[in-house]
Protein backbone atom coordinates (compact mmCIF):
# COMPACT_ATOMS: atom_id res chain seq x y z
CA MET A 1 0.00 0.00 0.00
CA THR A 2 1.29 3.44 -0.91
CA ALA A 3 0.85 6.40 1.42
CA SER A 4 -1.30 9.19 0.06
CA PRO A 5 0.61 12.43 -0.57
CA ALA A 6 -2.06 14.40 1.26
CA LEU A 7 -4.91 13.45 3.53
CA SER A 8 -7.07 16.01 1.78
CA GLN A 9 -6.96 13.95 -1.41
CA LEU A 10 -8.74 11.00 0.18
CA GLU A 11 -12.45 10.46 -0.28
CA THR A 12 -14.41 9.28 2.71
CA GLY A 13 -18.05 8.74 3.37
CA THR A 14 -20.52 6.77 5.37
CA SER A 15 -24.18 5.91 5.02
CA ILE A 16 -26.89 3.59 6.19
CA ALA A 17 -29.26 1.74 3.89
CA LEU A 18 -32.87 1.75 5.04
CA ASN A 19 -35.94 0.51 3.23
CA GLY A 20 -39.39 2.05 3.47
CA GLU A 21 -40.54 -0.40 6.12
CA GLU A 22 -37.57 0.45 8.33
CA ILE A 23 -38.05 4.18 7.87
CA CYS A 24 -41.72 3.98 8.82
CA GLY A 25 -41.18 1.44 11.59
CA GLN A 26 -41.43 2.05 15.31
CA LYS A 27 -37.71 1.38 15.79
CA PHE A 28 -36.57 3.93 13.20
CA LEU A 29 -35.35 6.65 15.57
CA ARG A 30 -33.54 4.15 17.79
CA ASP A 31 -31.88 2.39 14.85
CA PHE A 32 -31.00 5.65 13.10
CA ALA A 33 -29.50 7.13 16.28
CA ALA A 34 -27.42 3.97 16.77
CA ALA A 35 -26.17 4.21 13.17
CA CYS A 36 -25.25 7.88 13.70
CA ARG A 37 -23.27 6.97 16.81
CA LYS A 38 -21.31 4.44 14.74
CA MET A 39 -20.58 7.16 12.16
CA SER A 40 -19.50 9.79 14.69
CA PRO A 41 -15.78 8.83 14.74
CA LEU A 42 -15.52 9.50 11.00
CA VAL A 43 -17.46 12.76 11.31
CA GLU A 44 -15.19 13.89 14.17
CA PHE A 45 -12.06 12.91 12.25
CA THR A 46 -13.20 14.77 9.13
CA THR A 47 -14.19 17.85 11.12
CA ARG A 48 -10.84 17.97 12.89
CA ALA A 49 -9.04 17.51 9.57
CA ILE A 50 -10.90 20.44 8.03
CA ILE A 51 -10.42 22.74 11.04
CA GLY A 52 -6.74 21.91 11.29
CA THR A 53 -4.13 22.56 13.96
CA GLU A 54 -1.03 24.71 14.04
CA ARG A 55 0.95 21.62 13.06
CA SER A 56 -1.38 20.76 10.19
CA LYS A 57 -1.39 24.34 8.94
CA GLY A 58 2.41 24.25 8.80
CA PHE A 59 2.24 20.93 6.99
CA ALA A 60 -0.25 22.42 4.52
CA ALA A 61 2.22 25.22 3.79
CA LEU A 62 4.93 22.66 3.06
CA MET A 63 2.57 20.70 0.80
CA ARG A 64 1.71 23.89 -1.08
CA GLN A 65 5.43 24.62 -1.56
CA GLU A 66 5.81 21.15 -3.06
CA GLY A 67 2.99 21.80 -5.53
CA PHE A 68 0.16 19.84 -3.93
CA GLN A 69 -3.30 21.40 -4.03
CA ARG A 70 -4.94 21.90 -0.65
CA PHE A 71 -8.46 20.70 0.13
CA GLU A 72 -9.59 24.25 0.82
CA GLU A 73 -8.57 25.35 -2.67
CA ALA A 74 -10.47 22.48 -4.27
CA LEU A 75 -13.47 23.29 -2.10
CA GLU A 76 -13.41 26.94 -3.14
CA GLU A 77 -13.27 25.92 -6.81
CA PHE A 78 -16.22 23.56 -6.24
CA ARG A 79 -18.20 26.36 -4.56
CA ASP A 80 -17.48 28.73 -7.43
CA ARG A 81 -18.56 26.19 -10.04
CA SER A 82 -21.57 24.80 -8.16
CA ASP A 83 -23.73 27.85 -7.77
CA ASP A 84 -27.51 27.64 -7.62
CA LYS A 85 -27.85 28.00 -11.40
CA PHE A 86 -25.47 25.07 -11.97
CA LEU A 87 -27.25 22.86 -9.42
CA ARG A 88 -30.66 23.51 -11.00
CA ALA A 89 -29.47 22.78 -14.57
């Protein structure tokens, strides 16, 4: 396995598959809350990665010097390109 050059280039996600019966069932809130608790470590990790620390900000500066694009720059480009008009097209 090769190490990724930047954490920001990884794609992560989590979800839970529910059918209509489960969504309308009496146990929905309990089951959904339990699924959310299982997802919380990934959400916390992602949030901390986006917020950053003094160490990570310094690392980001080094990555930029080496020519790697930062997540924030990609996010800004996405925001610019994905305006309301684009999303409704």
